[in-house]
């Protein structure tokens, strides 16, 4: 009888520690995979934490942070592409008059603006909510 109880306790303890080990493994794995994804391709989800070398501390990714720092914000997925303005995007904007949200432009009046719904309307553009871009009239 004592032998059966001893065996049950032994397997319970082994099972308990195995479950804790698996849980810790998956927590560590998900943390590593998530941060590597953000770092490697530059897309970070809203709420992700990254180290900002310019200010020397960790920050939380938000739409405001993304746009204020001239990165590309993707509203549908709540993701930020951590790269500066692409020269192609600026050229495309200037050529076609269609400018993406978050793009930094110097306007004819000499002011630098970041394209968003408000600045689009301020400069007589037509804001497309679906695409988060502005069509400037010719």
C-alpha atoms as a PDB file:
ATOM      1  CA  UNK A   1       0.000   0.000   0.000  1.00  0.00           C
ATOM      2  CA  UNK A   2       2.787   2.425   0.948  1.00  0.00           C
ATOM      3  CA  UNK A   3       4.515   1.532  -2.324  1.00  0.00           C
ATOM      4  CA  UNK A   4       1.446   2.584  -4.362  1.00  0.00           C
ATOM      5  CA  UNK A   5       1.150   5.898  -2.526  1.00  0.00           C
ATOM      6  CA  UNK A   6       4.867   6.526  -3.009  1.00  0.00           C
ATOM      7  CA  UNK A   7       4.532   5.816  -6.753  1.00  0.00           C
ATOM      8  CA  UNK A   8       1.492   8.098  -7.074  1.00  0.00           C
ATOM      9  CA  UNK A   9       3.287  10.931  -5.269  1.00  0.00           C
ATOM     10  CA  UNK A  10       6.410  10.414  -7.396  1.00  0.00           C
ATOM     11  CA  UNK A  11       4.447  10.617 -10.678  1.00  0.00           C
ATOM     12  CA  UNK A  12       2.418  13.579  -9.420  1.00  0.00           C
ATOM     13  CA  UNK A  13       5.600  15.505  -8.573  1.00  0.00           C
ATOM     14  CA  UNK A  14       7.248  14.551 -11.873  1.00  0.00           C
ATOM     15  CA  UNK A  15       4.090  15.528 -13.786  1.00  0.00           C
ATOM     16  CA  UNK A  16       3.811  18.818 -11.919  1.00  0.00           C
ATOM     17  CA  UNK A  17       7.402  19.841 -12.658  1.00  0.00           C
ATOM     18  CA  UNK A  18       7.077  18.669 -16.263  1.00  0.00           C
ATOM     19  CA  UNK A  19       4.031  20.905 -16.744  1.00  0.00           C
ATOM     20  CA  UNK A  20       5.836  23.856 -15.180  1.00  0.00           C
ATOM     21  CA  UNK A  21       8.828  23.203 -17.445  1.00  0.00           C
ATOM     22  CA  UNK A  22       6.632  23.046 -20.555  1.00  0.00           C
ATOM     23  CA  UNK A  23       4.805  26.210 -19.541  1.00  0.00           C
ATOM     24  CA  UNK A  24       8.081  28.089 -19.032  1.00  0.00           C
ATOM     25  CA  UNK A  25       9.407  26.767 -22.335  1.00  0.00           C
ATOM     26  CA  UNK A  26       6.360  27.996 -24.278  1.00  0.00           C
ATOM     27  CA  UNK A  27       6.351  31.372 -22.543  1.00  0.00           C
ATOM     28  CA  UNK A  28      10.025  31.866 -23.393  1.00  0.00           C
ATOM     29  CA  UNK A  29       9.515  30.614 -26.946  1.00  0.00           C
ATOM     30  CA  UNK A  30       6.569  32.913 -27.624  1.00  0.00           C
ATOM     31  CA  UNK A  31       8.486  35.878 -26.218  1.00  0.00           C
ATOM     32  CA  UNK A  32      11.526  35.182 -28.371  1.00  0.00           C
ATOM     33  CA  UNK A  33       9.516  34.522 -31.525  1.00  0.00           C
ATOM     34  CA  UNK A  34       7.399  37.628 -31.076  1.00  0.00           C
ATOM     35  CA  UNK A  35      10.330  39.988 -30.500  1.00  0.00           C
ATOM     36  CA  UNK A  36      12.406  38.462 -33.305  1.00  0.00           C
ATOM     37  CA  UNK A  37       9.508  38.935 -35.697  1.00  0.00           C
ATOM     38  CA  UNK A  38       9.234  42.595 -34.787  1.00  0.00           C
ATOM     39  CA  UNK A  39      12.975  43.178 -35.066  1.00  0.00           C
ATOM     40  CA  UNK A  40      13.626  41.181 -38.232  1.00  0.00           C
ATOM     41  CA  UNK A  41      10.948  42.499 -40.571  1.00  0.00           C
ATOM     42  CA  UNK A  42      10.283  45.803 -38.822  1.00  0.00           C
ATOM     43  CA  UNK A  43       6.554  45.318 -38.255  1.00  0.00           C
ATOM     44  CA  UNK A  44       5.544  45.707 -34.609  1.00  0.00           C
ATOM     45  CA  UNK A  45       2.067  45.341 -33.190  1.00  0.00           C
ATOM     46  CA  UNK A  46       0.497  48.121 -31.164  1.00  0.00           C
ATOM     47  CA  UNK A  47       1.445  47.448 -27.550  1.00  0.00           C
ATOM     48  CA  UNK A  48       4.800  45.795 -28.363  1.00  0.00           C
ATOM     49  CA  UNK A  49       7.775  47.141 -26.422  1.00  0.00           C
ATOM     50  CA  UNK A  50      10.999  48.035 -28.239  1.00  0.00           C
ATOM     51  CA  UNK A  51      14.217  49.795 -27.273  1.00  0.00           C
ATOM     52  CA  UNK A  52      14.437  53.219 -28.898  1.00  0.00           C
ATOM     53  CA  UNK A  53      18.120  54.043 -29.314  1.00  0.00           C
ATOM     54  CA  UNK A  54      17.381  57.706 -30.052  1.00  0.00           C
ATOM     55  CA  UNK A  55      15.958  58.305 -26.585  1.00  0.00           C
ATOM     56  CA  UNK A  56      17.805  55.486 -24.823  1.00  0.00           C
ATOM     57  CA  UNK A  57      14.849  53.668 -23.295  1.00  0.00           C
ATOM     58  CA  UNK A  58      12.137  51.126 -23.991  1.00  0.00           C
ATOM     59  CA  UNK A  59       8.906  52.454 -25.434  1.00  0.00           C
ATOM     60  CA  UNK A  60       5.519  50.957 -26.199  1.00  0.00           C
ATOM     61  CA  UNK A  61       4.443  50.993 -29.848  1.00  0.00           C
ATOM     62  CA  UNK A  62       1.370  53.168 -30.345  1.00  0.00           C
ATOM     63  CA  UNK A  63      -0.198  54.770 -33.397  1.00  0.00           C
ATOM     64  CA  UNK A  64       0.925  58.169 -32.126  1.00  0.00           C
ATOM     65  CA  UNK A  65       4.542  57.035 -31.624  1.00  0.00           C
ATOM     66  CA  UNK A  66       4.598  55.473 -35.072  1.00  0.00           C
ATOM     67  CA  UNK A  67       3.271  58.536 -36.887  1.00  0.00           C
ATOM     68  CA  UNK A  68       5.207  61.097 -34.796  1.00  0.00           C
ATOM     69  CA  UNK A  69       8.439  59.302 -35.704  1.00  0.00           C
ATOM     70  CA  UNK A  70       7.532  59.173 -39.407  1.00  0.00           C
ATOM     71  CA  UNK A  71       7.051  55.407 -39.565  1.00  0.00           C
ATOM     72  CA  UNK A  72       4.290  53.689 -41.532  1.00  0.00           C
ATOM     73  CA  UNK A  73       1.149  52.917 -39.500  1.00  0.00           C
ATOM     74  CA  UNK A  74      -1.180  50.151 -40.728  1.00  0.00           C
ATOM     75  CA  UNK A  75      -4.564  50.788 -39.115  1.00  0.00           C
ATOM     76  CA  UNK A  76      -6.222  47.517 -40.179  1.00  0.00           C
ATOM     77  CA  UNK A  77      -3.647  45.369 -38.370  1.00  0.00           C
ATOM     78  CA  UNK A  78      -2.690  47.916 -35.691  1.00  0.00           C
ATOM     79  CA  UNK A  79       0.943  47.552 -36.774  1.00  0.00           C
ATOM     80  CA  UNK A  80       3.838  49.941 -37.214  1.00  0.00           C
ATOM     81  CA  UNK A  81       6.538  49.472 -39.871  1.00  0.00           C
ATOM     82  CA  UNK A  82       9.707  50.702 -38.172  1.00  0.00           C
ATOM     83  CA  UNK A  83      11.424  52.513 -41.003  1.00  0.00           C
ATOM     84  CA  UNK A  84      11.656  56.105 -42.046  1.00  0.00           C
ATOM     85  CA  UNK A  85       9.894  57.616 -45.042  1.00  0.00           C
ATOM     86  CA  UNK A  86      10.642  55.677 -48.160  1.00  0.00           C
ATOM     87  CA  UNK A  87      11.915  58.026 -50.912  1.00  0.00           C
ATOM     88  CA  UNK A  88       9.690  56.168 -53.366  1.00  0.00           C
ATOM     89  CA  UNK A  89       6.628  57.042 -51.229  1.00  0.00           C
ATOM     90  CA  UNK A  90       7.562  60.730 -51.298  1.00  0.00           C
ATOM     91  CA  UNK A  91       8.169  60.690 -55.070  1.00  0.00           C
ATOM     92  CA  UNK A  92       4.895  58.837 -55.617  1.00  0.00           C
ATOM     93  CA  UNK A  93       3.073  61.354 -53.429  1.00  0.00           C
ATOM     94  CA  UNK A  94       4.541  64.316 -55.293  1.00  0.00           C
ATOM     95  CA  UNK A  95       3.877  62.758 -58.726  1.00  0.00           C
ATOM     96  CA  UNK A  96       0.358  61.460 -58.134  1.00  0.00           C
ATOM     97  CA  UNK A  97      -0.943  63.684 -55.348  1.00  0.00           C
ATOM     98  CA  UNK A  98      -1.850  60.591 -53.279  1.00  0.00           C
ATOM     99  CA  UNK A  99       0.052  60.673 -49.982  1.00  0.00           C
ATOM    100  CA  UNK A 100       0.060  58.008 -47.266  1.00  0.00           C
ATOM    101  CA  UNK A 101      -0.699  58.788 -43.635  1.00  0.00           C
ATOM    102  CA  UNK A 102       2.471  59.446 -41.650  1.00  0.00           C
ATOM    103  CA  UNK A 103       4.459  60.790 -44.595  1.00  0.00           C
ATOM    104  CA  UNK A 104       6.507  63.905 -43.773  1.00  0.00           C
ATOM    105  CA  UNK A 105       6.254  66.559 -46.487  1.00  0.00           C
ATOM    106  CA  UNK A 106       7.398  70.120 -46.986  1.00  0.00           C
ATOM    107  CA  UNK A 107       4.454  72.060 -48.386  1.00  0.00           C
ATOM    108  CA  UNK A 108       4.483  74.998 -50.828  1.00  0.00           C
ATOM    109  CA  UNK A 109       4.064  77.434 -47.929  1.00  0.00           C
ATOM    110  CA  UNK A 110       7.347  76.138 -46.441  1.00  0.00           C
ATOM    111  CA  UNK A 111       5.740  74.258 -43.549  1.00  0.00           C
ATOM    112  CA  UNK A 112       6.668  70.653 -42.832  1.00  0.00           C
ATOM    113  CA  UNK A 113       3.607  68.538 -42.144  1.00  0.00           C
ATOM    114  CA  UNK A 114       2.871  64.920 -41.399  1.00  0.00           C
ATOM    115  CA  UNK A 115       0.064  63.595 -43.564  1.00  0.00           C
ATOM    116  CA  UNK A 116      -3.003  62.782 -41.512  1.00  0.00           C
ATOM    117  CA  UNK A 117      -6.714  63.462 -41.689  1.00  0.00           C
ATOM    118  CA  UNK A 118      -6.394  66.986 -40.266  1.00  0.00           C
ATOM    119  CA  UNK A 119      -3.472  68.166 -42.395  1.00  0.00           C
ATOM    120  CA  UNK A 120      -5.119  66.666 -45.460  1.00  0.00           C
ATOM    121  CA  UNK A 121      -8.220  68.780 -44.952  1.00  0.00           C
ATOM    122  CA  UNK A 122      -6.135  71.814 -43.940  1.00  0.00           C
ATOM    123  CA  UNK A 123      -4.438  71.712 -47.357  1.00  0.00           C
ATOM    124  CA  UNK A 124      -7.698  71.057 -49.259  1.00  0.00           C
ATOM    125  CA  UNK A 125      -7.087  67.365 -49.818  1.00  0.00           C
ATOM    126  CA  UNK A 126      -9.606  64.526 -49.828  1.00  0.00           C
ATOM    127  CA  UNK A 127      -9.017  62.002 -47.038  1.00  0.00           C
ATOM    128  CA  UNK A 128      -9.712  58.315 -47.796  1.00  0.00           C
ATOM    129  CA  UNK A 129     -10.400  56.608 -44.478  1.00  0.00           C
ATOM    130  CA  UNK A 130     -10.253  53.136 -46.030  1.00  0.00           C
ATOM    131  CA  UNK A 131      -6.654  53.590 -47.211  1.00  0.00           C
ATOM    132  CA  UNK A 132      -5.446  56.194 -44.688  1.00  0.00           C
ATOM    133  CA  UNK A 133      -4.212  58.459 -47.448  1.00  0.00           C
ATOM    134  CA  UNK A 134      -4.855  61.928 -48.810  1.00  0.00           C
ATOM    135  CA  UNK A 135      -5.627  62.964 -52.387  1.00  0.00           C
ATOM    136  CA  UNK A 136      -4.457  66.503 -52.989  1.00  0.00           C
ATOM    137  CA  UNK A 137      -6.373  68.428 -55.607  1.00  0.00           C
ATOM    138  CA  UNK A 138      -4.448  69.826 -58.525  1.00  0.00           C
END
